[in-house]
């Protein structure tokens, strides 16, 4: 099984979460590839059995707008039936962006197997949740 972990991280918090997801995917015997959002294209979606997308909340609880949002918008048409997971951090606002992001992905027809959101840097509980997310993504 091949899993892409596609993320954007400004402070390193989301990257730390991506590392935990990748660790769990590999521990379950699958291939994990961490990819920066700016390097991921719609043509690559089909090459992976599952994808974990990671992005922190920005501004008024939205996805990062210069790299992540354009990438995610470009792959939305390819997500129907794809197993995906969503993760990210927030510094204010409570992480409500995750609910709207999950709904958006489900409306795209994606099979959202789970989400993880944490405040600022992932603590031990958030790291454990990211590991569980990676395990669930592999199945």
N, C-alpha and C. Protein backbone atom coordinates (compact mmCIF):
# COMPACT_ATOMS: atom_id res chain seq x y z
N UNK A 1 0.85 -1.18 0.00
CA UNK A 1 0.00 0.00 0.00
C UNK A 1 0.90 1.24 0.00
N UNK A 2 0.54 2.21 -0.82
CA UNK A 2 1.28 3.47 -0.89
C UNK A 2 0.43 4.60 -0.33
N UNK A 3 1.01 5.36 0.60
CA UNK A 3 0.30 6.46 1.25
C UNK A 3 1.11 7.74 1.08
N UNK A 4 0.43 8.78 0.61
CA UNK A 4 1.05 10.11 0.54
C UNK A 4 0.62 10.90 1.77
N UNK A 5 1.58 11.60 2.37
CA UNK A 5 1.28 12.52 3.46
C UNK A 5 1.62 13.90 2.92
N UNK A 6 0.60 14.63 2.51
CA UNK A 6 0.75 15.91 1.83
C UNK A 6 0.43 17.02 2.82
N UNK A 7 1.38 17.93 3.05
CA UNK A 7 1.15 18.92 4.09
C UNK A 7 1.81 20.26 3.79
N UNK A 8 1.37 21.26 4.54
CA UNK A 8 2.00 22.59 4.58
C UNK A 8 2.22 22.92 6.04
N UNK A 9 3.40 23.43 6.37
CA UNK A 9 3.69 23.77 7.75
C UNK A 9 4.49 25.06 7.79
N UNK A 10 4.01 26.02 8.55
CA UNK A 10 4.70 27.28 8.67
C UNK A 10 5.64 27.33 9.87
N UNK A 11 5.25 26.67 10.96
CA UNK A 11 6.03 26.73 12.19
C UNK A 11 6.66 25.39 12.56
N UNK A 12 6.31 24.34 11.84
CA UNK A 12 6.80 23.01 12.15
C UNK A 12 5.80 22.14 12.88
N UNK A 13 4.70 22.72 13.37
CA UNK A 13 3.70 21.93 14.09
C UNK A 13 3.04 20.88 13.20
N UNK A 14 2.62 21.29 12.02
CA UNK A 14 1.96 20.35 11.12
C UNK A 14 2.96 19.34 10.57
N UNK A 15 4.19 19.75 10.37
CA UNK A 15 5.22 18.81 9.94
C UNK A 15 5.45 17.73 11.00
N UNK A 16 5.45 18.11 12.27
CA UNK A 16 5.60 17.13 13.35
C UNK A 16 4.45 16.13 13.33
N UNK A 17 3.26 16.62 13.04
CA UNK A 17 2.09 15.74 12.93
C UNK A 17 2.25 14.80 11.74
N UNK A 18 2.72 15.33 10.61
CA UNK A 18 2.94 14.52 9.41
C UNK A 18 3.95 13.42 9.68
N UNK A 19 4.99 13.73 10.43
CA UNK A 19 6.01 12.74 10.77
C UNK A 19 5.40 11.59 11.57
N UNK A 20 4.50 11.90 12.49
CA UNK A 20 3.83 10.86 13.28
C UNK A 20 2.94 9.98 12.40
N UNK A 21 2.20 10.60 11.49
CA UNK A 21 1.35 9.83 10.58
C UNK A 21 2.22 8.90 9.73
N UNK A 22 3.32 9.43 9.19
CA UNK A 22 4.22 8.63 8.35
C UNK A 22 4.82 7.47 9.14
N UNK A 23 5.21 7.73 10.36
CA UNK A 23 5.79 6.69 11.24
C UNK A 23 4.79 5.54 11.40
N UNK A 24 3.53 5.87 11.63
CA UNK A 24 2.51 4.84 11.82
C UNK A 24 2.24 4.06 10.54
N UNK A 25 2.22 4.76 9.42
CA UNK A 25 1.99 4.10 8.13
C UNK A 25 3.10 3.07 7.88
N UNK A 26 4.33 3.48 8.11
CA UNK A 26 5.47 2.57 7.90
C UNK A 26 5.42 1.40 8.88
N UNK A 27 5.04 1.67 10.12
CA UNK A 27 4.96 0.61 11.13
C UNK A 27 3.92 -0.44 10.76
N UNK A 28 2.91 -0.04 10.00
CA UNK A 28 1.87 -0.97 9.54
C UNK A 28 2.28 -1.69 8.25
N UNK A 29 3.51 -1.43 7.78
CA UNK A 29 4.02 -2.14 6.61
C UNK A 29 3.73 -1.49 5.27
N UNK A 30 3.20 -0.29 5.29
CA UNK A 30 2.89 0.41 4.04
C UNK A 30 4.02 1.39 3.70
N UNK A 31 4.02 1.84 2.48
CA UNK A 31 4.99 2.84 2.03
C UNK A 31 4.42 4.23 2.30
N UNK A 32 5.20 5.07 2.96
CA UNK A 32 4.77 6.44 3.26
C UNK A 32 5.70 7.43 2.57
N UNK A 33 5.12 8.42 1.92
CA UNK A 33 5.92 9.46 1.28
C UNK A 33 5.39 10.81 1.75
N UNK A 34 6.23 11.58 2.44
CA UNK A 34 5.86 12.92 2.87
C UNK A 34 6.14 13.87 1.71
N UNK A 35 5.14 14.70 1.38
CA UNK A 35 5.23 15.59 0.22
C UNK A 35 4.74 16.97 0.63
N UNK A 36 5.52 17.99 0.31
CA UNK A 36 5.07 19.36 0.55
C UNK A 36 3.92 19.68 -0.40
N UNK A 37 2.94 20.41 0.10
CA UNK A 37 1.75 20.74 -0.69
C UNK A 37 2.10 21.38 -2.03
N UNK A 38 3.12 22.21 -2.06
CA UNK A 38 3.49 22.91 -3.29
C UNK A 38 4.02 21.96 -4.36
N UNK A 39 4.35 20.72 -3.98
CA UNK A 39 4.90 19.75 -4.93
C UNK A 39 3.91 18.68 -5.36
N UNK A 40 2.68 18.72 -4.84
CA UNK A 40 1.70 17.66 -5.11
C UNK A 40 0.71 18.13 -6.18
N UNK A 41 0.47 17.28 -7.18
CA UNK A 41 -0.42 17.64 -8.28
C UNK A 41 -1.57 16.64 -8.41
N UNK A 42 -2.64 17.03 -9.09
CA UNK A 42 -3.77 16.11 -9.28
C UNK A 42 -3.36 14.80 -9.97
N UNK A 43 -2.36 14.86 -10.83
CA UNK A 43 -1.91 13.66 -11.53
C UNK A 43 -1.36 12.60 -10.57
N UNK A 44 -0.92 13.00 -9.39
CA UNK A 44 -0.33 12.07 -8.44
C UNK A 44 -1.35 11.34 -7.57
N UNK A 45 -2.57 11.83 -7.50
CA UNK A 45 -3.58 11.24 -6.62
C UNK A 45 -3.75 9.75 -6.89
N UNK A 46 -3.85 9.37 -8.15
CA UNK A 46 -4.10 7.98 -8.51
C UNK A 46 -2.94 7.06 -8.15
N UNK A 47 -1.76 7.59 -7.94
CA UNK A 47 -0.59 6.77 -7.62
C UNK A 47 -0.60 6.27 -6.18
N UNK A 48 -1.52 6.79 -5.36
CA UNK A 48 -1.55 6.43 -3.95
C UNK A 48 -2.86 5.76 -3.58
N UNK A 49 -2.76 4.78 -2.69
CA UNK A 49 -3.95 4.09 -2.21
C UNK A 49 -4.71 4.93 -1.19
N UNK A 50 -3.98 5.80 -0.48
CA UNK A 50 -4.57 6.67 0.53
C UNK A 50 -3.71 7.91 0.66
N UNK A 51 -4.35 8.99 1.13
CA UNK A 51 -3.63 10.26 1.29
C UNK A 51 -4.02 10.90 2.61
N UNK A 52 -3.02 11.34 3.35
CA UNK A 52 -3.25 12.17 4.54
C UNK A 52 -2.89 13.59 4.17
N UNK A 53 -3.81 14.50 4.37
CA UNK A 53 -3.58 15.92 4.08
C UNK A 53 -3.43 16.66 5.41
N UNK A 54 -2.40 17.49 5.52
CA UNK A 54 -2.17 18.24 6.74
C UNK A 54 -1.99 19.72 6.47
N UNK A 55 -2.75 20.53 7.21
CA UNK A 55 -2.66 21.98 7.06
C UNK A 55 -3.15 22.65 8.34
N UNK A 56 -2.43 23.66 8.80
CA UNK A 56 -2.90 24.40 9.98
C UNK A 56 -4.02 25.37 9.60
N UNK A 57 -4.73 25.82 10.61
CA UNK A 57 -5.72 26.88 10.42
C UNK A 57 -4.97 28.20 10.24
N UNK A 58 -5.43 29.00 9.32
CA UNK A 58 -4.82 30.30 9.07
C UNK A 58 -5.92 31.36 9.16
N UNK A 59 -5.51 32.57 9.45
CA UNK A 59 -6.45 33.69 9.43
C UNK A 59 -7.74 33.39 10.17
N UNK A 60 -8.84 33.49 9.46
CA UNK A 60 -10.16 33.28 10.04
C UNK A 60 -10.58 31.81 9.88
N UNK A 61 -9.74 30.89 10.43
CA UNK A 61 -10.04 29.45 10.36
C UNK A 61 -10.22 28.97 8.92
N UNK A 62 -9.20 29.20 8.10
CA UNK A 62 -9.19 28.71 6.73
C UNK A 62 -7.87 27.97 6.49
N UNK A 63 -7.84 27.18 5.41
CA UNK A 63 -6.61 26.51 5.01
C UNK A 63 -5.60 27.56 4.51
N UNK A 64 -4.32 27.25 4.64
CA UNK A 64 -3.26 28.15 4.16
C UNK A 64 -3.54 28.47 2.69
N UNK A 65 -3.54 29.76 2.36
CA UNK A 65 -4.10 30.22 1.09
C UNK A 65 -3.15 30.29 -0.10
N UNK A 66 -1.84 30.36 0.11
CA UNK A 66 -0.96 30.54 -1.04
C UNK A 66 -0.49 29.23 -1.65
N UNK A 67 -0.32 28.18 -0.85
CA UNK A 67 0.15 26.90 -1.38
C UNK A 67 -0.84 25.77 -1.15
N UNK A 68 -1.34 25.62 0.09
CA UNK A 68 -2.17 24.45 0.38
C UNK A 68 -3.54 24.53 -0.27
N UNK A 69 -4.24 25.64 -0.09
CA UNK A 69 -5.60 25.76 -0.65
C UNK A 69 -5.60 25.56 -2.17
N UNK A 70 -4.70 26.19 -2.92
CA UNK A 70 -4.72 25.94 -4.38
C UNK A 70 -4.45 24.47 -4.73
N UNK A 71 -3.53 23.84 -4.00
CA UNK A 71 -3.26 22.42 -4.26
C UNK A 71 -4.48 21.59 -3.94
N UNK A 72 -5.10 21.81 -2.76
CA UNK A 72 -6.26 21.00 -2.38
C UNK A 72 -7.41 21.20 -3.37
N UNK A 73 -7.65 22.44 -3.77
CA UNK A 73 -8.71 22.71 -4.75
C UNK A 73 -8.43 21.98 -6.06
N UNK A 74 -7.16 21.87 -6.43
CA UNK A 74 -6.82 21.23 -7.71
C UNK A 74 -7.01 19.71 -7.67
N UNK A 75 -6.92 19.09 -6.48
CA UNK A 75 -7.07 17.63 -6.39
C UNK A 75 -8.48 17.19 -6.03
N UNK A 76 -9.34 18.13 -5.65
CA UNK A 76 -10.68 17.75 -5.19
C UNK A 76 -11.44 16.88 -6.17
N UNK A 77 -11.30 17.13 -7.45
CA UNK A 77 -12.01 16.34 -8.45
C UNK A 77 -11.52 14.91 -8.56
N UNK A 78 -10.39 14.61 -7.93
CA UNK A 78 -9.80 13.27 -7.99
C UNK A 78 -9.98 12.47 -6.70
N UNK A 79 -10.69 13.01 -5.72
CA UNK A 79 -10.77 12.37 -4.41
C UNK A 79 -11.93 11.38 -4.25
N UNK A 80 -12.84 11.32 -5.21
CA UNK A 80 -13.99 10.43 -5.07
C UNK A 80 -13.53 9.00 -4.82
N UNK A 81 -13.99 8.42 -3.68
CA UNK A 81 -13.68 7.05 -3.34
C UNK A 81 -12.29 6.85 -2.73
N UNK A 82 -11.49 7.89 -2.65
CA UNK A 82 -10.13 7.79 -2.11
C UNK A 82 -10.16 7.85 -0.58
N UNK A 83 -9.41 6.95 0.07
CA UNK A 83 -9.26 6.98 1.53
C UNK A 83 -8.35 8.15 1.87
N UNK A 84 -8.87 9.07 2.69
CA UNK A 84 -8.04 10.20 3.10
C UNK A 84 -8.20 10.44 4.60
N UNK A 85 -7.21 11.13 5.14
CA UNK A 85 -7.25 11.59 6.52
C UNK A 85 -6.84 13.05 6.51
N UNK A 86 -7.31 13.81 7.49
CA UNK A 86 -7.02 15.25 7.58
C UNK A 86 -6.43 15.54 8.95
N UNK A 87 -5.41 16.39 8.98
CA UNK A 87 -4.82 16.77 10.27
C UNK A 87 -4.26 18.18 10.19
N UNK A 88 -4.12 18.80 11.35
CA UNK A 88 -3.54 20.13 11.40
C UNK A 88 -3.65 20.73 12.78
N UNK A 89 -3.07 21.91 12.91
CA UNK A 89 -3.06 22.60 14.20
C UNK A 89 -3.68 23.99 14.04
N UNK A 90 -3.96 24.59 15.18
CA UNK A 90 -4.51 25.95 15.18
C UNK A 90 -3.91 26.69 16.36
N UNK A 91 -3.92 27.99 16.28
CA UNK A 91 -3.41 28.81 17.38
C UNK A 91 -4.51 29.62 18.05
N UNK A 92 -5.65 29.69 17.42
CA UNK A 92 -6.79 30.45 17.93
C UNK A 92 -8.04 29.90 17.25
N UNK A 93 -9.19 30.21 17.76
CA UNK A 93 -10.43 29.85 17.08
C UNK A 93 -10.95 28.46 17.36
N UNK A 94 -10.20 27.62 18.03
CA UNK A 94 -10.72 26.32 18.42
C UNK A 94 -10.65 25.22 17.39
N UNK A 95 -10.11 25.47 16.20
CA UNK A 95 -9.97 24.41 15.21
C UNK A 95 -11.23 24.09 14.43
N UNK A 96 -12.19 25.01 14.40
CA UNK A 96 -13.44 24.78 13.67
C UNK A 96 -13.21 24.55 12.18
N UNK A 97 -12.08 25.02 11.66
CA UNK A 97 -11.78 24.84 10.24
C UNK A 97 -11.77 23.36 9.85
N UNK A 98 -11.43 22.49 10.80
CA UNK A 98 -11.36 21.05 10.50
C UNK A 98 -12.73 20.50 10.14
N UNK A 99 -13.77 20.95 10.83
CA UNK A 99 -15.12 20.47 10.52
C UNK A 99 -15.53 20.85 9.10
N UNK A 100 -15.27 22.10 8.72
CA UNK A 100 -15.65 22.52 7.37
C UNK A 100 -14.78 21.85 6.31
N UNK A 101 -13.49 21.61 6.63
CA UNK A 101 -12.60 20.93 5.69
C UNK A 101 -13.05 19.49 5.49
N UNK A 102 -13.43 18.81 6.58
CA UNK A 102 -13.91 17.43 6.49
C UNK A 102 -15.19 17.37 5.65
N UNK A 103 -16.10 18.29 5.89
CA UNK A 103 -17.36 18.33 5.12
C UNK A 103 -17.07 18.55 3.64
N UNK A 104 -16.15 19.44 3.36
CA UNK A 104 -15.76 19.72 1.97
C UNK A 104 -15.22 18.45 1.30
N UNK A 105 -14.33 17.74 1.99
CA UNK A 105 -13.75 16.52 1.42
C UNK A 105 -14.81 15.44 1.22
N UNK A 106 -15.72 15.31 2.17
CA UNK A 106 -16.80 14.34 2.02
C UNK A 106 -17.71 14.72 0.85
N UNK A 107 -17.95 15.99 0.66
CA UNK A 107 -18.75 16.45 -0.48
C UNK A 107 -18.05 16.16 -1.81
N UNK A 108 -16.72 16.04 -1.76
CA UNK A 108 -15.95 15.67 -2.95
C UNK A 108 -16.02 14.17 -3.22
N UNK A 109 -16.62 13.42 -2.30
CA UNK A 109 -16.74 11.98 -2.45
C UNK A 109 -15.61 11.20 -1.82
N UNK A 110 -14.73 11.88 -1.08
CA UNK A 110 -13.62 11.19 -0.42
C UNK A 110 -14.14 10.37 0.76
N UNK A 111 -13.45 9.29 1.05
CA UNK A 111 -13.72 8.46 2.23
C UNK A 111 -12.82 8.97 3.34
N UNK A 112 -13.33 9.91 4.15
CA UNK A 112 -12.54 10.50 5.22
C UNK A 112 -12.56 9.54 6.41
N UNK A 113 -11.40 8.91 6.67
CA UNK A 113 -11.33 7.88 7.71
C UNK A 113 -11.04 8.47 9.08
N UNK A 114 -10.67 9.75 9.15
CA UNK A 114 -10.43 10.37 10.44
C UNK A 114 -9.79 11.73 10.31
N UNK A 115 -9.84 12.47 11.42
CA UNK A 115 -9.21 13.79 11.49
C UNK A 115 -8.51 13.93 12.85
N UNK A 116 -7.48 14.76 12.85
CA UNK A 116 -6.82 15.14 14.10
C UNK A 116 -6.53 16.62 14.03
N UNK A 117 -6.91 17.33 15.08
CA UNK A 117 -6.61 18.76 15.17
C UNK A 117 -6.10 19.03 16.59
N UNK A 118 -5.08 19.86 16.69
CA UNK A 118 -4.54 20.19 18.01
C UNK A 118 -4.19 21.67 18.08
N UNK A 119 -4.09 22.16 19.30
CA UNK A 119 -3.73 23.56 19.50
C UNK A 119 -2.21 23.67 19.56
N UNK A 120 -1.66 24.49 18.66
CA UNK A 120 -0.22 24.75 18.57
C UNK A 120 0.56 23.45 18.34
N UNK A 121 1.71 23.30 18.98
CA UNK A 121 2.55 22.12 18.77
C UNK A 121 1.86 20.88 19.32
N UNK A 122 1.98 19.76 18.60
CA UNK A 122 1.33 18.54 19.09
C UNK A 122 1.95 18.05 20.39
N UNK A 123 1.10 17.85 21.39
CA UNK A 123 1.55 17.27 22.66
C UNK A 123 1.50 15.74 22.52
N UNK A 124 1.75 15.04 23.60
CA UNK A 124 1.77 13.58 23.53
C UNK A 124 0.44 13.00 23.06
N UNK A 125 -0.67 13.58 23.53
CA UNK A 125 -1.99 13.08 23.10
C UNK A 125 -2.19 13.29 21.61
N UNK A 126 -1.80 14.44 21.09
CA UNK A 126 -1.96 14.72 19.66
C UNK A 126 -1.05 13.81 18.83
N UNK A 127 0.16 13.58 19.32
CA UNK A 127 1.06 12.67 18.61
C UNK A 127 0.47 11.26 18.55
N UNK A 128 -0.09 10.80 19.66
CA UNK A 128 -0.73 9.48 19.69
C UNK A 128 -1.92 9.44 18.73
N UNK A 129 -2.68 10.54 18.68
CA UNK A 129 -3.83 10.61 17.77
C UNK A 129 -3.37 10.56 16.32
N UNK A 130 -2.24 11.20 16.01
CA UNK A 130 -1.71 11.17 14.64
C UNK A 130 -1.22 9.77 14.27
N UNK A 131 -0.63 9.09 15.24
CA UNK A 131 -0.20 7.70 15.00
C UNK A 131 -1.42 6.82 14.74
N UNK A 132 -2.45 6.98 15.55
CA UNK A 132 -3.70 6.22 15.33
C UNK A 132 -4.32 6.56 13.98
N UNK A 133 -4.23 7.83 13.58
CA UNK A 133 -4.77 8.25 12.28
C UNK A 133 -4.04 7.52 11.15
N UNK A 134 -2.71 7.48 11.23
CA UNK A 134 -1.92 6.77 10.22
C UNK A 134 -2.26 5.30 10.15
N UNK A 135 -2.45 4.69 11.32
CA UNK A 135 -2.83 3.26 11.37
C UNK A 135 -4.20 3.04 10.74
N UNK A 136 -5.14 3.92 11.05
CA UNK A 136 -6.49 3.81 10.48
C UNK A 136 -6.47 4.00 8.97
N UNK A 137 -5.63 4.91 8.52
CA UNK A 137 -5.55 5.18 7.07
C UNK A 137 -5.09 3.95 6.31
N UNK A 138 -4.14 3.21 6.89
CA UNK A 138 -3.66 1.99 6.25
C UNK A 138 -4.71 0.89 6.33
N UNK A 139 -5.45 0.86 7.46
CA UNK A 139 -6.53 -0.11 7.61
C UNK A 139 -6.10 -1.37 8.30
